[in-house]
PDB file of N, CA and C in Angstrom:
ATOM      1  N   MET A   1      15.944 152.292-182.571  1.00  0.00           N
ATOM      2  CA  MET A   1      15.733 151.913-184.178  1.00  0.00           C
ATOM      3  C   MET A   1      14.902 153.208-184.257  1.00  0.00           C
ATOM      4  N   ALA A   2      14.224 154.058-183.355  1.00  0.00           N
ATOM      5  CA  ALA A   2      12.990 155.569-183.292  1.00  0.00           C
ATOM      6  C   ALA A   2      13.614 156.275-183.875  1.00  0.00           C
ATOM      7  N   TRP A   3      15.347 156.299-183.045  1.00  0.00           N
ATOM      8  CA  TRP A   3      15.794 157.178-182.794  1.00  0.00           C
ATOM      9  C   TRP A   3      16.403 158.022-184.388  1.00  0.00           C
ATOM     10  N   ALA A   4      16.748 156.471-185.223  1.00  0.00           N
ATOM     11  CA  ALA A   4      17.551 156.527-186.798  1.00  0.00           C
ATOM     12  C   ALA A   4      15.624 157.036-187.770  1.00  0.00           C
ATOM     13  N   VAL A   5      15.244 156.533-187.422  1.00  0.00           N
ATOM     14  CA  VAL A   5      14.041 156.757-188.246  1.00  0.00           C
ATOM     15  C   VAL A   5      13.341 158.403-188.080  1.00  0.00           C
ATOM     16  N   LEU A   6      13.879 158.828-186.746  1.00  0.00           N
ATOM     17  CA  LEU A   6      13.799 160.457-186.449  1.00  0.00           C
ATOM     18  C   LEU A   6      14.578 161.210-187.155  1.00  0.00           C
ATOM     19  N   PHE A   7      16.045 160.705-187.090  1.00  0.00           N
ATOM     20  CA  PHE A   7      17.062 161.069-188.018  1.00  0.00           C
ATOM     21  C   PHE A   7      16.415 161.496-188.810  1.00  0.00           C
ATOM     22  N   THR A   8      16.139 160.175-189.804  1.00  0.00           N
ATOM     23  CA  THR A   8      16.169 160.794-191.195  1.00  0.00           C
ATOM     24  C   THR A   8      15.054 161.025-191.792  1.00  0.00           C
ATOM     25  N   ALA A   9      13.870 161.385-190.802  1.00  0.00           N
ATOM     26  CA  ALA A   9      12.731 162.130-190.778  1.00  0.00           C
ATOM     27  C   ALA A   9      13.531 163.541-190.922  1.00  0.00           C
ATOM     28  N   GLY A  10      14.334 163.849-190.314  1.00  0.00           N
ATOM     29  CA  GLY A  10      15.048 165.350-189.925  1.00  0.00           C
ATOM     30  C   GLY A  10      15.585 166.018-191.182  1.00  0.00           C
ATOM     31  N   LEU A  11      16.402 164.680-191.779  1.00  0.00           N
ATOM     32  CA  LEU A  11      17.171 165.241-193.024  1.00  0.00           C
ATOM     33  C   LEU A  11      16.191 165.173-194.271  1.00  0.00           C
ATOM     34  N   LEU A  12      14.998 164.497-194.544  1.00  0.00           N
ATOM     35  CA  LEU A  12      14.247 165.125-195.257  1.00  0.00           C
ATOM     36  C   LEU A  12      13.796 166.046-195.449  1.00  0.00           C
ATOM     37  N   GLU A  13      13.288 166.771-193.918  1.00  0.00           N
ATOM     38  CA  GLU A  13      13.019 167.723-193.207  1.00  0.00           C
ATOM     39  C   GLU A  13      13.554 169.011-194.080  1.00  0.00           C
ATOM     40  N   ILE A  14      15.340 168.701-193.707  1.00  0.00           N
ATOM     41  CA  ILE A  14      15.916 169.728-194.366  1.00  0.00           C
ATOM     42  C   ILE A  14      16.185 169.483-196.079  1.00  0.00           C
ATOM     43  N   GLY A  15      15.605 168.316-197.053  1.00  0.00           N
ATOM     44  CA  GLY A  15      15.804 167.989-198.245  1.00  0.00           C
ATOM     45  C   GLY A  15      14.701 169.230-198.910  1.00  0.00           C
ATOM     46  N   TRP A  16      13.207 169.060-198.044  1.00  0.00           N
ATOM     47  CA  TRP A  16      12.205 169.667-198.626  1.00  0.00           C
ATOM     48  C   TRP A  16      12.536 170.995-197.922  1.00  0.00           C
ATOM     49  N   ALA A  17      13.111 171.866-197.203  1.00  0.00           N
ATOM     50  CA  ALA A  17      12.604 173.276-196.495  1.00  0.00           C
ATOM     51  C   ALA A  17      13.854 173.565-197.640  1.00  0.00           C
ATOM     52  N   ILE A  18      15.252 172.951-198.150  1.00  0.00           N
ATOM     53  CA  ILE A  18      16.235 173.269-198.688  1.00  0.00           C
ATOM     54  C   ILE A  18      15.444 173.525-200.772  1.00  0.00           C
ATOM     55  N   GLY A  19      15.338 172.626-201.229  1.00  0.00           N
ATOM     56  CA  GLY A  19      14.013 171.997-202.101  1.00  0.00           C
ATOM     57  C   GLY A  19      13.080 173.229-202.494  1.00  0.00           C
ATOM     58  N   LEU A  20      12.252 173.635-201.526  1.00  0.00           N
ATOM     59  CA  LEU A  20      11.427 174.831-201.612  1.00  0.00           C
ATOM     60  C   LEU A  20      12.240 176.326-202.423  1.00  0.00           C
ATOM     61  N   LYS A  21      13.454 176.246-202.283  1.00  0.00           N
ATOM     62  CA  LYS A  21      14.071 177.273-202.898  1.00  0.00           C
ATOM     63  C   LYS A  21      14.390 177.132-204.327  1.00  0.00           C
ATOM     64  N   TYR A  22      14.298 175.583-204.690  1.00  0.00           N
ATOM     65  CA  TYR A  22      14.490 175.531-206.180  1.00  0.00           C
ATOM     66  C   TYR A  22      13.347 175.465-207.266  1.00  0.00           C
ATOM     67  N   THR A  23      12.192 174.750-206.237  1.00  0.00           N
ATOM     68  CA  THR A  23      10.905 174.992-206.890  1.00  0.00           C
ATOM     69  C   THR A  23      10.543 176.135-207.572  1.00  0.00           C
ATOM     70  N   GLU A  24      10.850 177.539-207.031  1.00  0.00           N
ATOM     71  CA  GLU A  24      10.390 178.530-207.563  1.00  0.00           C
ATOM     72  C   GLU A  24       8.998 178.665-207.766  1.00  0.00           C
ATOM     73  N   GLY A  25       8.318 178.309-206.726  1.00  0.00           N
ATOM     74  CA  GLY A  25       6.996 178.597-206.678  1.00  0.00           C
ATOM     75  C   GLY A  25       5.809 177.515-207.406  1.00  0.00           C
ATOM     76  N   PHE A  26       6.704 176.323-207.198  1.00  0.00           N
ATOM     77  CA  PHE A  26       6.541 175.119-207.582  1.00  0.00           C
ATOM     78  C   PHE A  26       6.175 175.165-209.175  1.00  0.00           C
ATOM     79  N   THR A  27       6.720 176.159-209.336  1.00  0.00           N
ATOM     80  CA  THR A  27       6.821 176.258-211.234  1.00  0.00           C
ATOM     81  C   THR A  27       7.475 175.405-211.869  1.00  0.00           C
ATOM     82  N   ARG A  28       8.770 174.597-211.431  1.00  0.00           N
ATOM     83  CA  ARG A  28       9.807 173.607-212.320  1.00  0.00           C
ATOM     84  C   ARG A  28       9.013 172.296-211.345  1.00  0.00           C
ATOM     85  N   PRO A  29       9.084 171.382-212.345  1.00  0.00           N
ATOM     86  CA  PRO A  29       8.159 170.326-212.568  1.00  0.00           C
ATOM     87  C   PRO A  29       9.221 169.287-211.515  1.00  0.00           C
ATOM     88  N   VAL A  30      10.590 168.799-211.529  1.00  0.00           N
ATOM     89  CA  VAL A  30      11.180 168.068-210.908  1.00  0.00           C
ATOM     90  C   VAL A  30      11.541 168.655-209.619  1.00  0.00           C
ATOM     91  N   PRO A  31      11.963 170.203-209.473  1.00  0.00           N
ATOM     92  CA  PRO A  31      12.287 170.295-208.116  1.00  0.00           C
ATOM     93  C   PRO A  31      10.803 170.236-206.869  1.00  0.00           C
ATOM     94  N   SER A  32      10.247 170.565-207.454  1.00  0.00           N
ATOM     95  CA  SER A  32       8.194 170.277-206.772  1.00  0.00           C
ATOM     96  C   SER A  32       8.312 169.290-206.775  1.00  0.00           C
ATOM     97  N   VAL A  33       8.317 168.109-207.224  1.00  0.00           N
ATOM     98  CA  VAL A  33       8.223 166.701-207.019  1.00  0.00           C
ATOM     99  C   VAL A  33       8.942 166.004-206.298  1.00  0.00           C
ATOM    100  N   LEU A  34      10.194 166.453-206.281  1.00  0.00           N
ATOM    101  CA  LEU A  34      11.299 166.055-205.418  1.00  0.00           C
ATOM    102  C   LEU A  34      11.278 166.561-203.769  1.00  0.00           C
ATOM    103  N   THR A  35      10.446 167.899-203.830  1.00  0.00           N
ATOM    104  CA  THR A  35      10.298 168.308-202.618  1.00  0.00           C
ATOM    105  C   THR A  35       9.282 167.860-201.918  1.00  0.00           C
ATOM    106  N   LEU A  36       8.215 167.705-202.642  1.00  0.00           N
ATOM    107  CA  LEU A  36       6.748 167.098-202.234  1.00  0.00           C
ATOM    108  C   LEU A  36       7.258 165.771-201.993  1.00  0.00           C
ATOM    109  N   ALA A  37       7.450 164.801-202.859  1.00  0.00           N
ATOM    110  CA  ALA A  37       7.949 163.462-201.994  1.00  0.00           C
ATOM    111  C   ALA A  37       8.895 163.688-200.332  1.00  0.00           C
ATOM    112  N   SER A  38       9.607 164.510-200.058  1.00  0.00           N
ATOM    113  CA  SER A  38      10.583 164.601-198.983  1.00  0.00           C
ATOM    114  C   SER A  38       9.478 165.116-198.340  1.00  0.00           C
ATOM    115  N   MET A  39       8.688 165.825-198.241  1.00  0.00           N
ATOM    116  CA  MET A  39       7.918 166.420-197.490  1.00  0.00           C
ATOM    117  C   MET A  39       7.109 165.004-197.064  1.00  0.00           C
ATOM    118  N   ILE A  40       6.694 164.406-197.870  1.00  0.00           N
ATOM    119  CA  ILE A  40       5.350 163.340-197.515  1.00  0.00           C
ATOM    120  C   ILE A  40       6.463 162.348-196.658  1.00  0.00           C
ATOM    121  N   GLY A  41       7.732 162.129-196.842  1.00  0.00           N
ATOM    122  CA  GLY A  41       8.669 160.936-196.465  1.00  0.00           C
ATOM    123  C   GLY A  41       8.659 161.433-195.218  1.00  0.00           C
ATOM    124  N   SER A  42       9.527 162.752-194.581  1.00  0.00           N
ATOM    125  CA  SER A  42       9.451 163.422-193.681  1.00  0.00           C
ATOM    126  C   SER A  42       8.404 163.083-192.383  1.00  0.00           C
ATOM    127  N   ILE A  43       7.405 163.317-193.035  1.00  0.00           N
ATOM    128  CA  ILE A  43       6.179 163.160-192.042  1.00  0.00           C
ATOM    129  C   ILE A  43       5.980 161.763-191.757  1.00  0.00           C
ATOM    130  N   VAL A  44       5.911 161.293-192.834  1.00  0.00           N
ATOM    131  CA  VAL A  44       5.737 159.748-192.266  1.00  0.00           C
ATOM    132  C   VAL A  44       6.424 159.312-191.598  1.00  0.00           C
ATOM    133  N   LEU A  45       7.556 159.321-191.750  1.00  0.00           N
ATOM    134  CA  LEU A  45       9.014 159.016-191.012  1.00  0.00           C
ATOM    135  C   LEU A  45       8.800 159.425-189.552  1.00  0.00           C
ATOM    136  N   LEU A  46       8.068 160.930-189.127  1.00  0.00           N
ATOM    137  CA  LEU A  46       8.273 161.203-187.898  1.00  0.00           C
ATOM    138  C   LEU A  46       7.271 160.380-187.098  1.00  0.00           C
ATOM    139  N   GLY A  47       5.842 160.073-188.222  1.00  0.00           N
ATOM    140  CA  GLY A  47       4.432 159.518-187.522  1.00  0.00           C
ATOM    141  C   GLY A  47       5.013 158.324-186.658  1.00  0.00           C
ATOM    142  N   LEU A  48       6.073 157.591-187.879  1.00  0.00           N
ATOM    143  CA  LEU A  48       6.721 156.179-187.343  1.00  0.00           C
ATOM    144  C   LEU A  48       7.199 156.534-185.685  1.00  0.00           C
ATOM    145  N   ALA A  49       7.904 157.336-186.072  1.00  0.00           N
ATOM    146  CA  ALA A  49       9.310 157.498-184.875  1.00  0.00           C
ATOM    147  C   ALA A  49       8.564 157.497-183.339  1.00  0.00           C
ATOM    148  N   VAL A  50       6.706 158.719-183.331  1.00  0.00           N
ATOM    149  CA  VAL A  50       6.559 158.857-182.443  1.00  0.00           C
ATOM    150  C   VAL A  50       5.585 158.221-181.676  1.00  0.00           C
ATOM    151  N   LYS A  51       5.616 156.463-182.860  1.00  0.00           N
ATOM    152  CA  LYS A  51       4.921 155.591-181.941  1.00  0.00           C
ATOM    153  C   LYS A  51       5.532 155.301-181.082  1.00  0.00           C
ATOM    154  N   SER A  52       6.830 155.304-180.831  1.00  0.00           N
ATOM    155  CA  SER A  52       7.877 154.793-179.416  1.00  0.00           C
ATOM    156  C   SER A  52       8.617 155.604-178.903  1.00  0.00           C
ATOM    157  N   LEU A  53       8.265 156.923-179.660  1.00  0.00           N
ATOM    158  CA  LEU A  53       9.007 158.284-178.577  1.00  0.00           C
ATOM    159  C   LEU A  53       7.614 158.967-178.478  1.00  0.00           C
ATOM    160  N   PRO A  54       8.418 159.665-176.911  1.00  0.00           N
ATOM    161  CA  PRO A  54       7.161 160.731-176.585  1.00  0.00           C
ATOM    162  C   PRO A  54       7.174 162.187-177.900  1.00  0.00           C
ATOM    163  N   VAL A  55       5.591 161.995-178.492  1.00  0.00           N
ATOM    164  CA  VAL A  55       5.713 163.168-179.586  1.00  0.00           C
ATOM    165  C   VAL A  55       5.970 164.351-179.603  1.00  0.00           C
ATOM    166  N   GLY A  56       6.420 165.210-178.009  1.00  0.00           N
ATOM    167  CA  GLY A  56       6.988 166.276-178.129  1.00  0.00           C
ATOM    168  C   GLY A  56       8.248 166.579-177.654  1.00  0.00           C
ATOM    169  N   THR A  57       8.553 165.081-177.792  1.00  0.00           N
ATOM    170  CA  THR A  57      10.308 164.982-177.630  1.00  0.00           C
ATOM    171  C   THR A  57      10.270 164.642-179.525  1.00  0.00           C
ATOM    172  N   GLY A  58       9.638 164.555-180.029  1.00  0.00           N
ATOM    173  CA  GLY A  58      10.255 163.583-181.311  1.00  0.00           C
ATOM    174  C   GLY A  58      10.106 164.756-182.227  1.00  0.00           C
ATOM    175  N   TYR A  59       8.482 166.158-182.049  1.00  0.00           N
ATOM    176  CA  TYR A  59       8.630 166.770-182.816  1.00  0.00           C
ATOM    177  C   TYR A  59       9.505 167.876-182.307  1.00  0.00           C
ATOM    178  N   ALA A  60      10.380 167.807-181.539  1.00  0.00           N
ATOM    179  CA  ALA A  60      11.326 168.704-180.754  1.00  0.00           C
ATOM    180  C   ALA A  60      12.381 168.541-182.060  1.00  0.00           C
ATOM    181  N   VAL A  61      12.924 167.143-181.662  1.00  0.00           N
ATOM    182  CA  VAL A  61      14.014 166.880-182.561  1.00  0.00           C
ATOM    183  C   VAL A  61      13.824 167.065-183.682  1.00  0.00           C
ATOM    184  N   TRP A  62      12.807 167.134-184.214  1.00  0.00           N
ATOM    185  CA  TRP A  62      12.879 166.866-186.481  1.00  0.00           C
ATOM    186  C   TRP A  62      12.273 167.996-186.507  1.00  0.00           C
ATOM    187  N   THR A  63      11.963 169.183-185.673  1.00  0.00           N
ATOM    188  CA  THR A  63      12.257 170.332-185.980  1.00  0.00           C
ATOM    189  C   THR A  63      13.481 170.632-185.793  1.00  0.00           C
ATOM    190  N   GLY A  64      14.290 170.689-184.945  1.00  0.00           N
ATOM    191  CA  GLY A  64      15.344 171.425-184.673  1.00  0.00           C
ATOM    192  C   GLY A  64      16.485 170.631-185.547  1.00  0.00           C
ATOM    193  N   ILE A  65      16.290 169.231-185.878  1.00  0.00           N
ATOM    194  CA  ILE A  65      16.947 168.572-187.121  1.00  0.00           C
ATOM    195  C   ILE A  65      16.846 169.268-188.085  1.00  0.00           C
ATOM    196  N   GLY A  66      15.897 169.711-188.788  1.00  0.00           N
ATOM    197  CA  GLY A  66      15.196 170.781-189.976  1.00  0.00           C
ATOM    198  C   GLY A  66      16.324 172.464-190.024  1.00  0.00           C
ATOM    199  N   THR A  67      15.520 172.727-188.656  1.00  0.00           N
ATOM    200  CA  THR A  67      16.126 173.977-188.487  1.00  0.00           C
ATOM    201  C   THR A  67      17.709 174.285-188.783  1.00  0.00           C
ATOM    202  N   VAL A  68      18.204 173.370-187.636  1.00  0.00           N
ATOM    203  CA  VAL A  68      19.835 173.395-188.050  1.00  0.00           C
ATOM    204  C   VAL A  68      20.452 172.924-189.170  1.00  0.00           C
ATOM    205  N   GLY A  69      20.091 171.815-189.743  1.00  0.00           N
ATOM    206  CA  GLY A  69      20.589 171.522-191.400  1.00  0.00           C
ATOM    207  C   GLY A  69      20.268 172.877-192.041  1.00  0.00           C
ATOM    208  N   THR A  70      18.995 173.110-192.419  1.00  0.00           N
ATOM    209  CA  THR A  70      18.583 173.957-193.264  1.00  0.00           C
ATOM    210  C   THR A  70      19.332 175.294-193.305  1.00  0.00           C
ATOM    211  N   ALA A  71      19.704 175.580-191.713  1.00  0.00           N
ATOM    212  CA  ALA A  71      20.316 177.075-191.945  1.00  0.00           C
ATOM    213  C   ALA A  71      22.078 176.960-191.893  1.00  0.00           C
ATOM    214  N   LEU A  72      22.734 176.067-191.984  1.00  0.00           N
ATOM    215  CA  LEU A  72      24.175 175.100-192.180  1.00  0.00           C
ATOM    216  C   LEU A  72      24.126 175.042-193.827  1.00  0.00           C
ATOM    217  N   LEU A  73      23.142 174.609-194.371  1.00  0.00           N
ATOM    218  CA  LEU A  73      22.601 174.842-195.546  1.00  0.00           C
ATOM    219  C   LEU A  73      22.680 175.895-196.471  1.00  0.00           C
ATOM    220  N   GLY A  74      21.853 176.330-195.443  1.00  0.00           N
ATOM    221  CA  GLY A  74      21.306 178.150-196.581  1.00  0.00           C
ATOM    222  C   GLY A  74      23.140 179.107-196.446  1.00  0.00           C
ATOM    223  N   ILE A  75      24.037 178.736-195.389  1.00  0.00           N
ATOM    224  CA  ILE A  75      25.601 179.225-194.948  1.00  0.00           C
ATOM    225  C   ILE A  75      26.346 178.944-196.164  1.00  0.00           C
ATOM    226  N   ALA A  76      25.995 177.526-195.951  1.00  0.00           N
ATOM    227  CA  ALA A  76      27.240 177.072-197.217  1.00  0.00           C
ATOM    228  C   ALA A  76      26.501 177.044-198.760  1.00  0.00           C
ATOM    229  N   SER A  77      24.909 176.742-199.026  1.00  0.00           N
ATOM    230  CA  SER A  77      24.753 176.756-200.128  1.00  0.00           C
ATOM    231  C   SER A  77      25.031 178.307-200.825  1.00  0.00           C
ATOM    232  N   PHE A  78      24.116 179.147-200.312  1.00  0.00           N
ATOM    233  CA  PHE A  78      23.691 180.311-200.480  1.00  0.00           C
ATOM    234  C   PHE A  78      24.047 181.254-199.914  1.00  0.00           C
ATOM    235  N   GLY A  79      25.540 181.770-199.488  1.00  0.00           N
ATOM    236  CA  GLY A  79      25.984 182.725-198.872  1.00  0.00           C
ATOM    237  C   GLY A  79      25.519 182.942-197.711  1.00  0.00           C
ATOM    238  N   GLU A  80      24.404 183.171-197.336  1.00  0.00           N
ATOM    239  CA  GLU A  80      23.652 183.353-196.313  1.00  0.00           C
ATOM    240  C   GLU A  80      24.612 184.040-194.986  1.00  0.00           C
ATOM    241  N   PRO A  81      24.789 184.877-194.183  1.00  0.00           N
ATOM    242  CA  PRO A  81      25.233 185.094-192.884  1.00  0.00           C
ATOM    243  C   PRO A  81      25.850 184.322-191.905  1.00  0.00           C
ATOM    244  N   ALA A  82      27.098 183.763-191.555  1.00  0.00           N
ATOM    245  CA  ALA A  82      27.310 183.005-190.454  1.00  0.00           C
ATOM    246  C   ALA A  82      28.005 183.459-189.462  1.00  0.00           C
ATOM    247  N   THR A  83      26.721 184.754-188.759  1.00  0.00           N
ATOM    248  CA  THR A  83      27.969 185.607-187.990  1.00  0.00           C
ATOM    249  C   THR A  83      27.273 184.716-186.226  1.00  0.00           C
ATOM    250  N   ALA A  84      28.090 185.475-185.416  1.00  0.00           N
ATOM    251  CA  ALA A  84      27.819 185.068-184.553  1.00  0.00           C
ATOM    252  C   ALA A  84      26.826 184.977-183.841  1.00  0.00           C
ATOM    253  N   LEU A  85      25.671 185.696-184.286  1.00  0.00           N
ATOM    254  CA  LEU A  85      24.073 186.104-183.596  1.00  0.00           C
ATOM    255  C   LEU A  85      23.190 184.992-184.684  1.00  0.00           C
ATOM    256  N   ARG A  86      24.098 184.456-185.338  1.00  0.00           N
ATOM    257  CA  ARG A  86      23.397 183.297-186.025  1.00  0.00           C
ATOM    258  C   ARG A  86      23.697 181.916-185.697  1.00  0.00           C
ATOM    259  N   LEU A  87      25.080 182.053-185.567  1.00  0.00           N
ATOM    260  CA  LEU A  87      26.052 180.646-184.852  1.00  0.00           C
ATOM    261  C   LEU A  87      25.206 180.167-183.691  1.00  0.00           C
ATOM    262  N   ILE A  88      25.440 180.837-182.509  1.00  0.00           N
ATOM    263  CA  ILE A  88      25.294 180.376-181.466  1.00  0.00           C
ATOM    264  C   ILE A  88      23.784 180.295-181.609  1.00  0.00           C
ATOM    265  N   PRO A  89      22.614 180.637-181.718  1.00  0.00           N
ATOM    266  CA  PRO A  89      21.385 180.341-181.709  1.00  0.00           C
ATOM    267  C   PRO A  89      21.732 178.766-182.132  1.00  0.00           C
ATOM    268  N   ILE A  90      22.298 178.853-183.294  1.00  0.00           N
ATOM    269  CA  ILE A  90      22.368 176.861-184.234  1.00  0.00           C
ATOM    270  C   ILE A  90      22.857 176.270-182.772  1.00  0.00           C
ATOM    271  N   GLY A  91      23.644 176.443-182.383  1.00  0.00           N
ATOM    272  CA  GLY A  91      24.428 175.743-181.213  1.00  0.00           C
ATOM    273  C   GLY A  91      23.838 175.476-179.679  1.00  0.00           C
ATOM    274  N   LEU A  92      22.743 176.395-179.735  1.00  0.00           N
ATOM    275  CA  LEU A  92      21.710 176.185-178.631  1.00  0.00           C
ATOM    276  C   LEU A  92      20.659 174.906-179.346  1.00  0.00           C
ATOM    277  N   ILE A  93      20.109 175.529-180.289  1.00  0.00           N
ATOM    278  CA  ILE A  93      19.201 174.268-180.673  1.00  0.00           C
ATOM    279  C   ILE A  93      19.935 172.449-181.084  1.00  0.00           C
ATOM    280  N   MET A  94      21.600 172.795-181.384  1.00  0.00           N
ATOM    281  CA  MET A  94      22.251 171.265-181.250  1.00  0.00           C
ATOM    282  C   MET A  94      21.902 170.906-179.541  1.00  0.00           C
ATOM    283  N   SER A  95      22.346 171.773-178.965  1.00  0.00           N
ATOM    284  CA  SER A  95      22.425 171.471-177.413  1.00  0.00           C
ATOM    285  C   SER A  95      20.873 170.990-177.179  1.00  0.00           C
ATOM    286  N   GLY A  96      20.358 171.925-177.665  1.00  0.00           N
ATOM    287  CA  GLY A  96      18.545 170.963-176.789  1.00  0.00           C
ATOM    288  C   GLY A  96      18.397 169.685-177.464  1.00  0.00           C
ATOM    289  N   ILE A  97      18.522 169.715-179.079  1.00  0.00           N
ATOM    290  CA  ILE A  97      18.609 168.139-179.512  1.00  0.00           C
ATOM    291  C   ILE A  97      19.069 167.162-178.484  1.00  0.00           C
ATOM    292  N   VAL A  98      20.449 167.464-178.691  1.00  0.00           N
ATOM    293  CA  VAL A  98      21.504 166.289-177.817  1.00  0.00           C
ATOM    294  C   VAL A  98      20.748 166.491-176.349  1.00  0.00           C
ATOM    295  N   GLY A  99      20.373 167.346-175.536  1.00  0.00           N
ATOM    296  CA  GLY A  99      19.780 167.064-174.514  1.00  0.00           C
ATOM    297  C   GLY A  99      18.928 166.294-174.230  1.00  0.00           C
ATOM    298  N   LEU A 100      17.776 166.371-175.272  1.00  0.00           N
ATOM    299  CA  LEU A 100      16.407 165.292-175.636  1.00  0.00           C
ATOM    300  C   LEU A 100      16.770 163.804-175.497  1.00  0.00           C
ATOM    301  N   LYS A 101      17.936 163.983-176.605  1.00  0.00           N
ATOM    302  CA  LYS A 101      17.809 162.476-176.490  1.00  0.00           C
ATOM    303  C   LYS A 101      18.854 161.710-175.136  1.00  0.00           C
ATOM    304  N   LEU A 102      19.251 162.587-174.376  1.00  0.00           N
ATOM    305  CA  LEU A 102      19.849 161.576-173.218  1.00  0.00           C
ATOM    306  C   LEU A 102      19.205 162.085-172.502  1.00  0.00           C
ATOM    307  N   VAL A 103      17.488 162.701-172.612  1.00  0.00           N
ATOM    308  CA  VAL A 103      17.402 162.059-171.007  1.00  0.00           C
ATOM    309  C   VAL A 103      15.862 161.313-171.507  1.00  0.00           C
ATOM    310  N   THR A 104      15.790 160.736-173.277  1.00  0.00           N
ATOM    311  CA  THR A 104      14.777 160.096-173.138  1.00  0.00           C
ATOM    312  C   THR A 104      14.837 158.654-173.193  1.00  0.00           C
TER     313      THR A 104
END
């Protein structure tokens, strides 16, 4: 169950990271509220997950999910470059997430 909570926390991290782009410096009310809600939800769920997972593992997986998801959405949604120099490190982060899941 803790892994599902952690995964959801990671998805919310992606949501707030991408949401920052739409807040325009927190001048747009609706995107700002949604982004802040996603931030709060992400942190709360991370806190719940690390009650039963090691904090280092939980934090690493949480940031990894957020990093990979945000980078991939940036490529898909904002036309950011999808070069090998970006995709290889993203793959390495993903392998780290899987590795931490396998050993925890």
